[in-house]
Protein backbone atom coordinates (compact mmCIF):
# COMPACT_ATOMS: atom_id res chain seq x y z
CA MET A 1 -36.52 -208.21 -37.07
CA ARG A 2 -36.29 -210.49 -34.06
CA HIS A 3 -36.46 -210.08 -30.30
CA PHE A 4 -33.10 -210.66 -28.56
CA GLY A 5 -31.43 -210.36 -31.95
CA SER A 6 -28.39 -208.72 -30.35
CA LEU A 7 -27.50 -211.91 -28.45
CA THR A 8 -24.58 -213.92 -29.75
CA ALA A 9 -25.37 -217.34 -31.18
CA SER A 10 -23.71 -218.92 -28.16
CA ASP A 11 -25.75 -216.89 -25.66
CA ALA A 12 -28.98 -217.58 -27.55
CA ALA A 13 -28.28 -221.31 -27.56
CA THR A 14 -27.68 -221.22 -23.80
CA LEU A 15 -30.74 -219.14 -22.94
CA PHE A 16 -33.37 -220.55 -25.29
CA GLU A 17 -34.88 -223.97 -25.80
CA ARG A 18 -36.62 -222.44 -28.80
CA PRO A 19 -35.24 -219.11 -30.03
CA PRO A 20 -37.52 -216.24 -31.09
CA GLU A 21 -38.65 -216.24 -34.72
CA GLU A 22 -38.06 -213.39 -37.11
CA PHE A 23 -41.07 -211.24 -37.95
CA ASP A 24 -41.86 -208.27 -40.16
CA ARG A 25 -44.76 -206.13 -41.34
CA ASP A 26 -46.07 -209.04 -43.45
CA SER A 27 -46.22 -211.51 -40.54
CA GLY A 28 -49.94 -210.97 -40.05
CA ARG A 29 -51.88 -208.78 -37.65
CA GLU A 30 -52.31 -211.38 -34.90
CA LEU A 31 -48.62 -212.28 -34.65
CA LEU A 32 -47.51 -208.66 -35.10
CA SER A 33 -49.73 -207.43 -32.26
CA VAL A 34 -47.97 -209.82 -29.87
CA ALA A 35 -44.54 -209.07 -31.32
CA LEU A 36 -44.89 -205.36 -30.42
CA GLY A 37 -43.64 -206.22 -26.93
CA ALA A 38 -42.38 -203.10 -25.20
CA THR A 39 -43.39 -200.18 -27.42
CA LEU A 40 -41.08 -197.23 -26.80
CA TYR A 41 -42.60 -193.75 -27.03
CA MET A 42 -40.36 -190.87 -28.15
CA PRO A 43 -41.26 -187.16 -28.26
CA GLY A 44 -41.51 -185.96 -31.84
CA ASP A 45 -39.55 -182.77 -31.17
CA ARG A 46 -36.24 -184.50 -30.40
CA PRO A 47 -33.57 -182.92 -32.66
CA ALA A 48 -31.67 -186.20 -33.12
CA LEU A 49 -34.79 -188.33 -33.57
CA ALA A 50 -33.47 -190.35 -36.52
CA ALA A 51 -30.25 -191.25 -34.68
CA ASP A 52 -32.20 -192.09 -31.52
CA ILE A 53 -34.52 -194.48 -33.39
CA ALA A 54 -31.60 -196.22 -35.08
CA LYS A 55 -29.76 -196.48 -31.76
CA GLN A 56 -32.73 -198.04 -29.99
CA ALA A 57 -33.23 -200.52 -32.84
CA THR A 58 -29.64 -201.65 -32.36
CA ALA A 59 -30.34 -202.02 -28.62
CA GLY A 60 -33.25 -204.38 -29.29
CA VAL A 61 -36.30 -202.11 -29.50
CA THR A 62 -38.73 -203.53 -32.07
CA SER A 63 -41.59 -201.01 -31.94
CA VAL A 64 -41.46 -197.21 -31.60
CA VAL A 65 -44.17 -194.57 -31.39
CA VAL A 66 -43.11 -191.02 -32.24
CA CYS A 67 -45.45 -188.78 -30.27
CA LEU A 68 -46.86 -185.49 -31.53
CA GLU A 69 -49.50 -185.30 -28.81
CA ASP A 70 -48.99 -184.94 -25.05
CA ALA A 71 -45.20 -185.34 -25.26
CA VAL A 72 -44.86 -182.16 -27.35
CA PRO A 73 -45.67 -178.63 -26.05
CA ASP A 74 -48.51 -176.94 -27.93
CA ASP A 75 -46.23 -174.24 -29.31
CA ARG A 76 -43.81 -176.81 -30.79
CA VAL A 77 -46.20 -179.02 -32.75
CA ALA A 78 -45.32 -177.55 -36.16
CA GLU A 79 -41.61 -177.92 -35.39
CA ALA A 80 -42.15 -181.50 -34.25
CA GLU A 81 -44.04 -182.31 -37.45
CA ASP A 82 -41.08 -181.02 -39.48
CA ILE A 83 -38.70 -183.19 -37.44
CA VAL A 84 -40.86 -186.29 -37.88
CA VAL A 85 -41.12 -185.83 -41.63
CA ALA A 86 -37.37 -185.21 -41.97
CA THR A 87 -36.64 -188.21 -39.72
CA LEU A 88 -38.70 -190.66 -41.76
CA ARG A 89 -37.21 -189.36 -44.98
CA ASP A 90 -33.71 -189.87 -43.56
CA LEU A 91 -34.55 -193.38 -42.34
CA HIS A 92 -36.11 -194.31 -45.67
CA THR A 93 -32.61 -195.05 -46.94
CA CYS A 94 -32.15 -197.74 -44.26
CA ARG A 95 -33.04 -201.38 -44.70
CA PRO A 96 -36.43 -202.08 -43.06
CA SER A 97 -34.83 -204.96 -41.15
CA ASP A 98 -32.52 -202.44 -39.43
CA LEU A 99 -35.43 -200.45 -38.00
CA PRO A 100 -38.23 -201.07 -35.52
CA LEU A 101 -41.90 -200.96 -36.42
CA LEU A 102 -42.67 -197.23 -36.62
CA PHE A 103 -45.87 -195.42 -35.65
CA VAL A 104 -46.76 -191.75 -35.21
CA ARG A 105 -49.12 -190.60 -32.46
CA VAL A 106 -51.06 -187.65 -33.82
CA ARG A 107 -53.22 -185.00 -32.15
CA THR A 108 -55.99 -184.66 -34.72
CA PRO A 109 -57.36 -186.69 -37.66
CA GLU A 110 -56.30 -183.94 -40.06
CA GLN A 111 -52.63 -184.53 -39.22
CA ILE A 112 -52.72 -188.02 -40.72
CA PRO A 113 -53.21 -187.19 -44.44
CA ALA A 114 -51.14 -184.02 -44.05
CA LEU A 115 -48.14 -185.96 -42.73
CA VAL A 116 -48.56 -188.74 -45.26
CA ASP A 117 -48.60 -186.23 -48.13
CA ARG A 118 -45.40 -184.62 -46.86
CA LEU A 119 -43.65 -187.96 -46.48
CA GLY A 120 -44.06 -188.96 -50.12
CA PRO A 121 -42.30 -192.27 -50.85
CA ALA A 122 -41.00 -192.39 -47.24
CA VAL A 123 -44.54 -193.22 -46.12
CA ALA A 124 -43.73 -196.82 -47.01
CA LEU A 125 -41.52 -196.87 -43.90
CA LEU A 126 -44.42 -195.94 -41.64
CA ASP A 127 -46.39 -198.83 -40.16
CA GLY A 128 -49.30 -196.77 -38.90
CA PHE A 129 -50.66 -194.27 -36.44
CA VAL A 130 -51.58 -194.17 -32.77
CA LEU A 131 -54.99 -192.52 -32.33
CA PRO A 132 -55.32 -190.65 -29.00
CA LYS A 133 -58.47 -190.00 -26.95
CA PHE A 134 -60.24 -192.55 -29.13
CA THR A 135 -64.01 -192.63 -28.64
CA ALA A 136 -66.81 -194.29 -30.55
CA ALA A 137 -67.90 -190.91 -31.94
CA GLY A 138 -64.55 -189.21 -32.48
CA GLY A 139 -62.71 -192.32 -33.61
CA ILE A 140 -64.64 -192.48 -36.88
CA ALA A 141 -62.86 -189.33 -38.08
CA TYR A 142 -59.45 -190.87 -37.35
CA LEU A 143 -60.32 -194.03 -39.29
CA ALA A 144 -61.68 -191.99 -42.21
CA ALA A 145 -58.44 -189.97 -42.23
CA LEU A 146 -56.46 -193.20 -42.56
CA ASP A 147 -58.60 -194.21 -45.53
CA ASP A 148 -58.05 -190.79 -47.09
CA ALA A 149 -54.29 -190.97 -46.56
CA GLU A 150 -54.09 -194.41 -48.15
CA ARG A 151 -55.99 -193.26 -51.23
CA ARG A 152 -53.76 -190.22 -51.65
CA ARG A 153 -50.50 -192.18 -51.41
CA ALA A 154 -51.63 -195.52 -52.84
CA ASP A 155 -48.66 -195.74 -55.21
CA ASP A 156 -46.13 -195.15 -52.43
CA LEU A 157 -47.85 -197.60 -50.05
CA ARG A 158 -48.02 -200.29 -52.78
CA GLY A 159 -51.06 -201.97 -51.27
CA THR A 160 -49.82 -201.84 -47.66
CA ARG A 161 -52.39 -200.63 -45.15
CA LEU A 162 -51.63 -198.05 -42.51
CA LEU A 163 -52.31 -199.78 -39.20
CA ALA A 164 -54.15 -198.17 -36.30
CA MET A 165 -53.59 -198.36 -32.55
CA PRO A 166 -56.45 -196.48 -30.84
CA VAL A 167 -55.83 -195.31 -27.28
CA ILE A 168 -58.60 -195.67 -24.70
CA GLU A 169 -58.17 -192.71 -22.35
CA SER A 170 -61.38 -190.68 -22.39
CA GLY A 171 -63.96 -189.83 -19.76
CA ALA A 172 -66.69 -191.45 -21.85
CA VAL A 173 -65.18 -194.88 -21.22
CA LEU A 174 -64.01 -194.24 -17.65
CA TYR A 175 -67.17 -192.77 -16.14
CA SER A 176 -69.49 -195.48 -14.86
CA GLU A 177 -72.69 -193.91 -16.25
CA THR A 178 -71.41 -194.08 -19.86
CA ARG A 179 -68.90 -196.94 -19.79
CA VAL A 180 -71.05 -199.89 -20.84
CA ASP A 181 -72.59 -198.07 -23.79
CA GLU A 182 -69.26 -196.54 -24.86
CA LEU A 183 -67.41 -199.87 -24.79
CA ALA A 184 -70.14 -201.56 -26.84
CA ARG A 185 -70.04 -198.75 -29.41
CA LEU A 186 -66.22 -198.83 -29.45
CA GLY A 187 -66.33 -202.55 -30.13
CA ALA A 188 -68.66 -202.00 -33.08
CA VAL A 189 -66.48 -199.23 -34.56
CA LEU A 190 -63.27 -201.25 -34.19
CA ASN A 191 -64.85 -204.42 -35.54
CA ARG A 192 -65.71 -202.64 -38.79
CA GLU A 193 -61.98 -201.85 -39.16
CA ARG A 194 -60.73 -205.19 -37.82
CA GLU A 195 -58.01 -205.65 -40.46
CA ARG A 196 -56.60 -202.20 -39.73
CA VAL A 197 -56.57 -202.27 -35.92
CA LEU A 198 -53.29 -203.77 -34.73
CA ALA A 199 -53.84 -203.31 -30.99
CA VAL A 200 -55.83 -201.27 -28.50
CA ARG A 201 -53.72 -199.23 -26.10
CA LEU A 202 -54.61 -197.94 -22.63
CA GLY A 203 -53.75 -194.36 -21.66
CA ALA A 204 -53.44 -194.77 -17.90
CA THR A 205 -51.89 -191.35 -17.27
CA ASP A 206 -54.78 -189.53 -18.95
CA LEU A 207 -57.32 -191.76 -17.23
CA CYS A 208 -55.82 -190.99 -13.82
CA ALA A 209 -55.79 -187.29 -14.70
CA LEU A 210 -59.57 -187.29 -14.98
CA TYR A 211 -59.63 -187.74 -11.20
CA GLY A 212 -56.46 -185.83 -10.35
CA LEU A 213 -54.66 -189.08 -9.49
CA ARG A 214 -51.08 -190.24 -9.90
CA ARG A 215 -49.84 -193.53 -8.51
CA THR A 216 -46.54 -193.68 -6.68
CA ALA A 217 -43.82 -196.25 -7.32
CA ASP A 218 -45.27 -198.39 -4.52
CA PHE A 219 -48.49 -199.09 -6.44
CA SER A 220 -49.47 -200.70 -9.71
CA ILE A 221 -52.17 -199.31 -11.97
CA TYR A 222 -54.40 -202.11 -10.68
CA ASP A 223 -54.23 -200.58 -7.21
CA VAL A 224 -55.85 -197.43 -8.61
CA LYS A 225 -59.30 -198.96 -8.50
CA VAL A 226 -61.10 -196.52 -10.78
CA VAL A 227 -58.63 -197.37 -13.58
CA GLY A 228 -58.11 -201.02 -12.64
CA ASP A 229 -61.87 -201.60 -12.89
CA LEU A 230 -61.87 -200.04 -16.36
CA ILE A 231 -59.04 -202.31 -17.52
CA ALA A 232 -61.11 -205.31 -16.50
CA ASP A 233 -64.09 -204.01 -18.47
CA VAL A 234 -61.97 -203.21 -21.55
CA VAL A 235 -60.61 -206.76 -21.58
CA ASN A 236 -64.12 -208.10 -20.97
CA VAL A 237 -65.58 -206.35 -24.01
CA LEU A 238 -62.67 -205.88 -26.41
CA SER A 239 -60.32 -208.83 -25.82
CA ARG A 240 -62.48 -211.95 -25.96
CA VAL A 241 -61.02 -215.05 -27.61
CA ASP A 242 -64.20 -215.85 -29.55
CA GLY A 243 -62.94 -214.08 -32.67
CA SER A 244 -64.37 -210.69 -31.76
CA GLY A 245 -61.45 -209.50 -29.63
CA PHE A 246 -58.31 -207.44 -30.11
CA THR A 247 -54.91 -207.39 -28.47
CA VAL A 248 -55.00 -204.89 -25.58
CA THR A 249 -51.61 -203.59 -24.44
CA GLY A 250 -50.48 -202.69 -20.92
CA PRO A 251 -50.24 -199.05 -19.80
CA VAL A 252 -47.03 -197.15 -19.12
CA TRP A 253 -44.95 -197.44 -15.94
CA GLU A 254 -43.85 -193.89 -15.15
CA TYR A 255 -40.83 -194.48 -12.90
CA TYR A 256 -37.23 -195.07 -13.96
CA GLY A 257 -35.15 -193.19 -11.38
CA HIS A 258 -34.51 -193.40 -7.65
CA ALA A 259 -38.09 -192.91 -6.44
CA GLU A 260 -38.79 -192.56 -2.74
CA ARG A 261 -40.35 -195.76 -1.41
CA LEU A 262 -42.57 -196.41 1.60
CA PHE A 263 -43.12 -200.17 1.35
CA LYS A 264 -40.83 -203.17 1.06
CA PRO A 265 -39.42 -204.14 -2.35
CA GLN A 266 -41.57 -206.53 -4.38
CA LEU A 267 -38.77 -208.78 -5.64
CA ARG A 268 -37.81 -211.88 -3.70
CA ARG A 269 -34.10 -212.27 -3.03
CA THR A 270 -33.95 -216.01 -3.62
CA PRO A 271 -34.22 -216.13 -7.45
CA PHE A 272 -31.45 -213.55 -7.78
CA GLU A 273 -29.19 -215.19 -5.20
CA GLU A 274 -29.66 -218.62 -6.82
CA HIS A 275 -28.48 -217.17 -10.12
CA ASP A 276 -25.68 -215.13 -8.54
CA GLU A 277 -27.35 -211.81 -9.44
CA ALA A 278 -27.94 -210.18 -6.04
CA GLU A 279 -26.38 -206.95 -7.30
CA LEU A 280 -28.85 -206.86 -10.19
CA ARG A 281 -31.76 -207.07 -7.75
CA GLY A 282 -30.35 -204.11 -5.82
CA ARG A 283 -30.17 -202.01 -8.97
CA LEU A 284 -33.72 -202.89 -9.98
CA VAL A 285 -35.14 -202.09 -6.56
CA SER A 286 -33.26 -198.79 -6.30
CA ARG A 287 -34.90 -197.60 -9.52
CA ALA A 288 -38.41 -198.87 -8.66
CA ILE A 289 -38.17 -201.47 -11.42
CA ASP A 290 -39.57 -204.08 -9.06
CA GLY A 291 -42.86 -202.20 -9.39
CA LEU A 292 -42.66 -202.45 -13.18
CA ILE A 293 -41.94 -206.17 -12.98
CA ARG A 294 -44.95 -206.74 -10.75
CA GLU A 295 -47.17 -204.67 -13.03
CA VAL A 296 -46.10 -206.63 -16.12
CA GLN A 297 -47.06 -209.82 -14.29
CA LEU A 298 -50.42 -208.30 -13.41
CA ASP A 299 -50.88 -207.19 -17.02
CA ARG A 300 -50.53 -210.76 -18.23
CA ALA A 301 -52.73 -212.15 -15.47
CA ASN A 302 -55.44 -209.70 -16.58
CA GLY A 303 -55.20 -210.45 -20.30
CA LEU A 304 -52.96 -207.61 -21.54
CA VAL A 305 -50.14 -208.21 -24.03
CA GLY A 306 -47.07 -205.98 -24.37
CA LYS A 307 -46.70 -202.59 -22.72
CA THR A 308 -46.09 -198.93 -23.41
CA ALA A 309 -42.58 -197.83 -22.38
CA ILE A 310 -41.36 -194.26 -21.93
CA HIS A 311 -37.77 -195.10 -21.02
CA PRO A 312 -35.33 -197.39 -22.87
CA SER A 313 -34.39 -199.15 -19.62
CA HIS A 314 -37.91 -200.59 -19.42
CA VAL A 315 -37.75 -202.32 -22.79
CA ALA A 316 -35.39 -205.16 -21.87
CA ILE A 317 -37.39 -205.87 -18.72
CA ILE A 318 -40.77 -206.04 -20.43
CA ASN A 319 -39.46 -208.18 -23.26
CA ALA A 320 -37.53 -210.53 -20.97
CA MET A 321 -40.74 -211.12 -19.04
CA SER A 322 -42.51 -212.00 -22.29
CA VAL A 323 -40.32 -215.06 -22.91
CA VAL A 324 -42.29 -218.27 -22.39
CA SER A 325 -40.94 -220.65 -19.76
CA SER A 326 -40.19 -224.22 -20.74
CA GLU A 327 -42.94 -225.52 -18.45
CA GLU A 328 -45.53 -223.15 -19.91
CA TYR A 329 -44.50 -224.09 -23.44
CA HIS A 330 -44.78 -227.83 -22.94
CA ASP A 331 -48.10 -227.45 -21.13
CA ALA A 332 -49.37 -225.44 -24.10
CA LEU A 333 -48.07 -228.02 -26.58
CA ASP A 334 -49.76 -230.84 -24.67
CA ILE A 335 -53.08 -229.01 -24.51
CA ALA A 336 -53.10 -227.72 -28.09
CA GLY A 337 -51.78 -230.97 -29.54
CA THR A 338 -54.21 -233.42 -28.01
CA ALA A 339 -57.07 -234.89 -30.03
CA ARG A 340 -59.04 -235.64 -26.89
CA PRO A 341 -62.42 -233.83 -26.72
CA GLY A 342 -61.92 -232.52 -23.22
CA GLY A 343 -60.68 -234.08 -20.02
CA VAL A 344 -57.65 -233.36 -17.89
CA MET A 345 -54.00 -234.30 -17.82
CA ALA A 346 -51.12 -233.67 -15.45
CA SER A 347 -48.40 -231.25 -16.49
CA GLY A 348 -45.03 -232.68 -17.43
CA SER A 349 -43.64 -231.65 -14.07
CA GLY A 350 -46.58 -233.30 -12.31
CA ASP A 351 -47.46 -230.26 -10.21
CA ARG A 352 -50.28 -228.68 -12.26
CA MET A 353 -53.56 -229.75 -13.79
CA ASN A 354 -54.06 -229.06 -17.49
CA GLU A 355 -57.76 -229.06 -18.28
CA ILE A 356 -58.04 -229.36 -22.04
CA ARG A 357 -61.21 -227.47 -22.91
CA PRO A 358 -60.86 -224.35 -20.67
CA HIS A 359 -57.08 -224.11 -21.18
CA THR A 360 -57.09 -224.34 -25.00
CA ALA A 361 -57.36 -220.60 -25.65
CA TRP A 362 -54.55 -219.97 -23.14
CA ALA A 363 -52.41 -222.58 -24.91
CA ARG A 364 -52.89 -220.95 -28.31
CA ARG A 365 -51.99 -217.52 -26.95
CA THR A 366 -48.93 -218.95 -25.20
CA LEU A 367 -47.68 -220.66 -28.36
CA LEU A 368 -48.10 -217.41 -30.29
CA ARG A 369 -46.02 -215.58 -27.69
CA ALA A 370 -43.43 -218.38 -27.84
CA ARG A 371 -42.97 -217.78 -31.54
CA VAL A 372 -41.94 -214.14 -31.19
CA PHE A 373 -40.26 -214.13 -27.76
CA GLY A 374 -38.90 -217.67 -27.68
CA VAL A 375 -38.96 -220.39 -25.06
CA ALA A 376 -36.45 -220.28 -22.22
CA ALA A 377 -34.22 -223.30 -21.70
CA PRO A 378 -35.41 -225.52 -18.80
CA ASP A 379 -32.82 -224.21 -16.34
CA VAL A 380 -33.05 -220.55 -17.44
CA SER A 381 -35.09 -218.07 -15.42
CA PHE A 382 -36.26 -214.51 -15.95
CA VAL A 383 -33.22 -213.43 -13.91
CA ASP A 384 -30.87 -214.97 -16.49
CA LEU A 385 -32.74 -213.40 -19.41
CA LEU A 386 -32.80 -210.02 -17.77
CA ALA A 387 -29.14 -210.10 -16.76
CA SER A 388 -28.15 -211.00 -20.32
CA SER A 389 -30.34 -208.29 -21.86
CA LEU A 390 -29.20 -205.52 -19.51
CA SER A 391 -25.54 -206.34 -20.01
CA ARG A 392 -25.75 -205.21 -23.63
């Protein structure tokens, strides 16, 4: 699969200096964790789930989580399990390249081997599981369940591991009196399963619920200080670039309709007017998407990669904002490609300082993102990428 794969060859040549690379399950955990991009969550009790997944894949979605947890009422879990099993069996006849990466978010560890047993050969289509309310103590049972499921269906999996995406959303990690110890213990548990853990996800809605909070469309998750402080600590402990870290993904943006707004929009007019897309700006602001755009920028500034999406309209926006600009790309090439043991150099445009030693880790991460999301042509902006993506 490939991001922006629905673009025509002509459009891709116009928009990209370096087009996105193809990737698949065998591309390696590091690249795959970045390639997740906008991960679309779908309730597991949707009657037309198979058709919906195929439709979103055609629209450019590259990773999907089918949810059996909070998105499904308690009295419909068994029905949702039946739908998920039937869906994956139906999709098993499709070419893997025609489908997104597929994960199931379960409620309990016991659901993992039970679902895998029911899937039979169709389990080969499943890339892994999302593990909710993951704690250092409770998470061990989820990881053991994955081991059990792999042993039981080893022939169907043919040596492929079921990947894990634990979700940090518990009181143990949010409350200040237990946070430091819990994060250290989480790091130890995840490190023992390093080759299985694809990414760590943040459950912002559940974290806010612990204090009876819900942010409005005027605020980012970073404005909710009790959660914003936790995000900083999660990145601090679990996302270091010294070889001990994991990819941590951005939390969901809840708004996609015409939300009531108190403050001014957060999108400048100039970039849209310069690219003759003033009408696009109006549509984004009217649906509170300017808040999403700002939050994605804050995610990246704070070390998060990719983002949970609960509405298809968010996917194109998140992925368009993941494209590497030409200036970023050439800065990263200069820094990563030099043999100098430190020092500084001016950027190609002459308006930034590139300091080799402290910017090397940033350069490597930027070049990895460039591989899966591409590099925009020098005169192409986010506005152009977004306009092209939303027109399809």
